[in-house]
Amino acid sequence: MHPANSGFHRRLALSFIALFLSVSFCPALVLGADDPLDAAVEAARKTHDEKQLQSVKTQLEQRVADNPSDVVSYYNLARVQSYLLDVYETRKDKKTAGAEVDKAIESAQRSILLNDKSADAHSLLADLYSRKISLGNGMFAGPKFGPKVKEENAKAMALDDKNPRVWASLGRQYLMAPKMFGGDFAKAVESFQKSLAIDSSQDETWVWLARAFAKQGDKPKAHEAIERALQLNPGSPFVKSAASDPTIAFESVP
C-alpha cells in the first residue's frame, strides 16, 4: 500500500473510532435508549406499587449482574430504588428506607462511573444525597451530604442546562436546604417553572412546584399546580398525598 494511502486510512479509521465513542457516550443517548424495561420503569413510577417496583427491580438487578457495564440499567435501577424509598417513607419504615437509599446511591454512582457525562444520573444522585440528609440526623448528615448535593447538581447543569430533570433537581435543592445553606423558596419556584417550561408533562415536578408555592404562602398557585399534577397522574399516591397536605389544602382530592 502506498504510504500516503496508508496514512489516510489510519486517519479515517481514527475518525470513525472517535465518532463511535462520541455517540456511545452521549448523555442523551445513554438515557434515552430504546430499552424494553423503560416502559415498565415508568409504569411503576406512576403507580408506586411495591410489588410492581420489586418486580422491575429484580429484572434490573439481573441485567447488571449479567452485564456490569450496562449503564442504562444501573441508572434505571437507582430510579426504581428511589421509588421504593418513597414507599418505605410513606409507611414510616425508616430502617428499610435508610437501607434502600444507600443501595440507590450505589447504583447511581456505578452509572456515573460508567458514564460521567450523564446529566440525568448526576441529578438523580443529587436527589438521593438529599434524601440521605432527610433520613439521617440533619446536624451530621447535612454538612456531609449537603455539599455533595450542590456538587452533583452543578455537574448536571454544566452538562445539560436544557434538561427538565436537571432544573427539577436544582429546585429541590433550593426548597429543601436551610436558608443558611442556600435554601431559597423563590429560586425553587423559578427552577421548577423552568423545568416545566421544558416539559410540562412531569406530574411530580408540578407537585414540587406546589410545595414551593405553599412555602411562600401562595396557596392559590399551590392549588393550581396540584390540579395540574392530578390531571396528569390522578392515581399517583405521591400526587394524592401532596394534594391532601393541609399546607396545600386542595379540597377536591378524589
Protein backbone atom coordinates (compact mmCIF):
# COMPACT_ATOMS: atom_id res chain seq x y z
CA MET A 1 0.00 0.00 0.00
CA HIS A 2 1.27 3.49 -0.83
CA PRO A 3 2.47 5.33 2.34
CA ALA A 4 0.17 8.29 1.65
CA ASN A 5 -2.83 5.99 1.31
CA SER A 6 -1.81 4.15 4.48
CA GLY A 7 -1.77 7.42 6.44
CA PHE A 8 -5.13 8.39 5.00
CA HIS A 9 -6.71 5.10 6.03
CA ARG A 10 -5.29 5.35 9.53
CA ARG A 11 -6.76 8.83 9.90
CA LEU A 12 -10.08 7.61 8.52
CA ALA A 13 -10.15 4.72 10.97
CA LEU A 14 -9.38 7.04 13.88
CA SER A 15 -12.17 9.37 12.78
CA PHE A 16 -14.69 6.51 12.83
CA ILE A 17 -13.50 5.45 16.28
CA ALA A 18 -13.86 8.99 17.59
CA LEU A 19 -17.35 9.24 16.09
CA PHE A 20 -18.35 5.92 17.66
CA LEU A 21 -17.12 6.98 21.08
CA SER A 22 -18.85 10.36 20.90
CA VAL A 23 -22.17 8.68 20.06
CA SER A 24 -21.76 5.84 22.54
CA PHE A 25 -21.16 8.17 25.45
CA CYS A 26 -23.58 10.93 24.51
CA PRO A 27 -25.70 11.61 27.65
CA ALA A 28 -28.96 11.84 25.70
CA LEU A 29 -28.39 8.51 24.00
CA VAL A 30 -27.34 6.70 27.16
CA LEU A 31 -30.54 7.59 28.99
CA GLY A 32 -32.84 7.66 26.00
CA ALA A 33 -32.04 4.26 24.56
CA ASP A 34 -34.91 2.08 23.36
CA ASP A 35 -34.94 -0.29 26.33
CA PRO A 36 -37.90 -2.67 26.75
CA LEU A 37 -37.81 -2.10 30.51
CA ASP A 38 -38.18 1.68 30.18
CA ALA A 39 -41.96 1.43 29.95
CA ALA A 40 -42.06 -0.86 32.98
CA VAL A 41 -39.98 1.59 35.00
CA GLU A 42 -42.25 4.49 34.06
CA ALA A 43 -45.41 2.47 34.80
CA ALA A 44 -44.03 1.56 38.23
CA ARG A 45 -43.17 5.20 38.88
CA LYS A 46 -46.72 6.28 38.16
CA THR A 47 -48.31 3.73 40.49
CA HIS A 48 -45.59 3.38 43.15
CA ASP A 49 -46.97 -0.12 43.61
CA GLU A 50 -44.48 -2.02 45.75
CA LYS A 51 -44.92 -5.40 44.05
CA GLN A 52 -44.57 -3.81 40.63
CA LEU A 53 -41.46 -1.92 41.72
CA GLN A 54 -39.89 -5.03 43.24
CA SER A 55 -40.52 -6.98 40.03
CA VAL A 56 -38.82 -4.32 37.88
CA LYS A 57 -36.01 -4.04 40.42
CA THR A 58 -35.36 -7.79 40.21
CA GLN A 59 -35.18 -7.66 36.42
CA LEU A 60 -32.75 -4.74 36.50
CA GLU A 61 -30.58 -6.41 39.13
CA GLN A 62 -30.35 -9.45 36.87
CA ARG A 63 -29.36 -7.26 33.96
CA VAL A 64 -26.48 -5.59 35.77
CA ALA A 65 -25.38 -8.97 37.11
CA ASP A 66 -25.25 -10.30 33.55
CA ASN A 67 -23.66 -7.12 32.18
CA PRO A 68 -21.79 -4.99 34.76
CA SER A 69 -21.19 -2.37 32.05
CA ASP A 70 -24.91 -1.71 31.45
CA VAL A 71 -25.02 1.99 32.34
CA VAL A 72 -28.71 2.42 31.49
CA SER A 73 -29.79 -0.43 33.76
CA TYR A 74 -27.75 0.93 36.68
CA TYR A 75 -29.43 4.31 36.22
CA ASN A 76 -32.91 2.77 35.99
CA LEU A 77 -32.16 0.58 39.00
CA ALA A 78 -31.32 3.68 41.02
CA ARG A 79 -34.61 5.24 39.89
CA VAL A 80 -36.65 2.22 40.94
CA GLN A 81 -34.84 2.06 44.28
CA SER A 82 -35.70 5.73 44.83
CA TYR A 83 -39.39 4.95 44.20
CA LEU A 84 -39.23 2.09 46.70
CA LEU A 85 -37.70 4.59 49.10
CA ASP A 86 -40.87 6.68 48.68
CA VAL A 87 -42.97 3.63 49.56
CA TYR A 88 -40.97 2.88 52.71
CA GLU A 89 -41.01 6.51 53.85
CA THR A 90 -44.77 6.72 53.32
CA ARG A 91 -45.32 3.81 55.70
CA LYS A 92 -42.72 5.29 58.09
CA ASP A 93 -40.33 2.35 57.77
CA LYS A 94 -37.22 4.45 58.32
CA LYS A 95 -34.86 1.48 58.73
CA THR A 96 -35.77 -0.06 55.38
CA ALA A 97 -35.78 3.37 53.74
CA GLY A 98 -32.29 4.03 55.04
CA ALA A 99 -31.01 0.77 53.57
CA GLU A 100 -32.73 1.45 50.24
CA VAL A 101 -31.30 4.94 49.83
CA ASP A 102 -27.80 3.53 50.28
CA LYS A 103 -28.47 0.95 47.55
CA ALA A 104 -29.87 3.64 45.26
CA ILE A 105 -26.83 5.84 45.81
CA GLU A 106 -24.54 2.93 44.97
CA SER A 107 -26.47 2.22 41.75
CA ALA A 108 -26.36 5.87 40.68
CA GLN A 109 -22.65 6.06 41.45
CA ARG A 110 -22.00 2.97 39.33
CA SER A 111 -23.95 4.53 36.47
CA ILE A 112 -21.81 7.66 36.71
CA LEU A 113 -18.62 5.62 36.97
CA LEU A 114 -19.53 4.06 33.62
CA ASN A 115 -20.55 7.39 32.07
CA ASP A 116 -19.83 10.59 33.98
CA LYS A 117 -21.32 12.70 31.18
CA SER A 118 -24.93 11.88 32.04
CA ALA A 119 -26.75 14.91 33.44
CA ASP A 120 -29.68 12.71 34.46
CA ALA A 121 -27.50 10.45 36.58
CA HIS A 122 -25.83 13.37 38.35
CA SER A 123 -29.23 14.93 39.09
CA LEU A 124 -30.55 11.65 40.44
CA LEU A 125 -27.52 11.25 42.68
CA ALA A 126 -28.03 14.81 43.98
CA ASP A 127 -31.63 13.94 44.89
CA LEU A 128 -30.51 10.74 46.63
CA TYR A 129 -27.92 12.60 48.70
CA SER A 130 -30.70 14.97 49.72
CA ARG A 131 -32.83 12.00 50.78
CA LYS A 132 -29.88 10.74 52.80
CA ILE A 133 -29.97 14.03 54.74
CA SER A 134 -33.71 13.81 55.40
CA LEU A 135 -33.41 10.22 56.65
CA GLY A 136 -30.43 10.88 58.89
CA ASN A 137 -29.55 13.27 61.66
CA GLY A 138 -29.65 16.65 59.95
CA MET A 139 -26.96 18.05 62.23
CA PHE A 140 -24.46 15.50 60.96
CA ALA A 141 -25.87 14.41 57.60
CA GLY A 142 -26.38 17.96 56.34
CA PRO A 143 -22.73 19.06 56.46
CA LYS A 144 -21.64 15.72 54.98
CA PHE A 145 -24.10 15.37 52.12
CA GLY A 146 -25.23 18.96 51.51
CA PRO A 147 -22.07 19.87 49.58
CA LYS A 148 -22.46 16.67 47.54
CA VAL A 149 -25.99 17.70 46.54
CA LYS A 150 -24.68 21.04 45.26
CA GLU A 151 -21.72 19.40 43.52
CA GLU A 152 -23.83 16.86 41.63
CA ASN A 153 -26.43 19.45 40.60
CA ALA A 154 -23.67 21.76 39.38
CA LYS A 155 -22.21 18.94 37.29
CA ALA A 156 -25.63 18.13 35.85
CA MET A 157 -26.32 21.76 34.95
CA ALA A 158 -22.93 22.12 33.28
CA LEU A 159 -23.65 19.03 31.19
CA ASP A 160 -27.20 19.87 30.10
CA ASP A 161 -28.94 23.09 31.12
CA LYS A 162 -31.88 22.27 28.83
CA ASN A 163 -32.79 19.11 30.74
CA PRO A 164 -36.06 19.39 32.72
CA ARG A 165 -34.91 16.84 35.30
CA VAL A 166 -31.79 18.89 35.98
CA TRP A 167 -33.84 22.01 36.74
CA ALA A 168 -36.26 20.00 38.90
CA SER A 169 -33.41 18.59 40.98
CA LEU A 170 -31.96 22.07 41.44
CA GLY A 171 -35.39 23.23 42.58
CA ARG A 172 -35.48 20.53 45.23
CA GLN A 173 -32.03 21.62 46.40
CA TYR A 174 -33.26 25.19 46.93
CA LEU A 175 -36.51 24.00 48.51
CA MET A 176 -35.06 21.50 50.97
CA ALA A 177 -31.86 23.25 52.08
CA PRO A 178 -31.95 25.51 55.17
CA LYS A 179 -31.73 29.19 54.31
CA MET A 180 -28.28 29.49 55.89
CA PHE A 181 -27.05 26.79 53.50
CA GLY A 182 -28.50 28.27 50.32
CA GLY A 183 -32.17 27.41 50.65
CA ASP A 184 -34.34 29.83 48.70
CA PHE A 185 -38.06 29.34 48.03
CA ALA A 186 -38.13 31.90 45.22
CA LYS A 187 -35.26 30.16 43.42
CA ALA A 188 -37.01 26.83 43.98
CA VAL A 189 -40.15 28.14 42.28
CA GLU A 190 -38.10 29.57 39.43
CA SER A 191 -36.23 26.28 38.92
CA PHE A 192 -39.41 24.18 38.89
CA GLN A 193 -41.04 26.61 36.46
CA LYS A 194 -38.03 26.36 34.14
CA SER A 195 -38.25 22.58 34.31
CA LEU A 196 -41.95 22.60 33.45
CA ALA A 197 -41.42 25.12 30.65
CA ILE A 198 -39.21 22.49 29.01
CA ASP A 199 -41.55 19.56 29.76
CA SER A 200 -44.96 20.28 31.25
CA SER A 201 -45.89 16.58 31.48
CA GLN A 202 -43.90 15.98 34.68
CA ASP A 203 -46.58 15.29 37.28
CA GLU A 204 -44.08 15.05 40.14
CA THR A 205 -42.48 18.39 39.29
CA TRP A 206 -45.90 20.04 39.46
CA VAL A 207 -46.14 18.62 42.99
CA TRP A 208 -42.78 20.11 43.91
CA LEU A 209 -43.83 23.45 42.45
CA ALA A 210 -46.99 23.31 44.58
CA ARG A 211 -44.88 22.67 47.67
CA ALA A 212 -42.62 25.60 46.82
CA PHE A 213 -45.63 27.91 46.37
CA ALA A 214 -47.02 26.65 49.68
CA LYS A 215 -43.73 27.50 51.40
CA GLN A 216 -44.14 31.03 50.03
CA GLY A 217 -47.66 31.14 51.43
CA ASP A 218 -49.24 31.29 47.97
CA LYS A 219 -51.99 28.69 48.31
CA PRO A 220 -53.94 29.66 45.14
CA LYS A 221 -50.89 28.94 42.98
CA ALA A 222 -50.16 25.80 45.02
CA HIS A 223 -53.72 24.64 44.26
CA GLU A 224 -53.26 25.27 40.55
CA ALA A 225 -50.02 23.31 40.46
CA ILE A 226 -51.52 20.35 42.33
CA GLU A 227 -54.52 20.36 39.99
CA ARG A 228 -52.14 20.04 37.03
CA ALA A 229 -50.40 17.12 38.73
CA LEU A 230 -53.72 15.38 39.38
CA GLN A 231 -54.76 15.85 35.76
CA LEU A 232 -51.54 14.21 34.59
CA ASN A 233 -51.47 11.32 37.06
CA PRO A 234 -54.68 11.09 39.13
CA GLY A 235 -53.84 7.65 40.51
CA SER A 236 -50.40 8.52 41.84
CA PRO A 237 -50.04 8.03 45.60
CA PHE A 238 -47.31 10.68 45.56
CA VAL A 239 -49.57 13.26 43.91
CA LYS A 240 -52.62 12.39 46.01
CA SER A 241 -50.60 12.55 49.23
CA ALA A 242 -49.37 16.03 48.34
CA ALA A 243 -52.88 17.11 47.34
CA SER A 244 -54.18 16.16 50.78
CA ASP A 245 -51.39 18.00 52.58
CA PRO A 246 -53.04 20.63 54.83
CA THR A 247 -50.35 23.18 53.93
CA ILE A 248 -51.59 22.96 50.33
CA ALA A 249 -55.20 22.18 51.28
CA PHE A 250 -56.56 21.20 47.90
CA GLU A 251 -60.09 20.13 48.77
CA SER A 252 -61.08 18.38 45.57
CA VAL A 253 -58.96 15.27 46.04
CA PRO A 254 -60.94 12.25 44.78
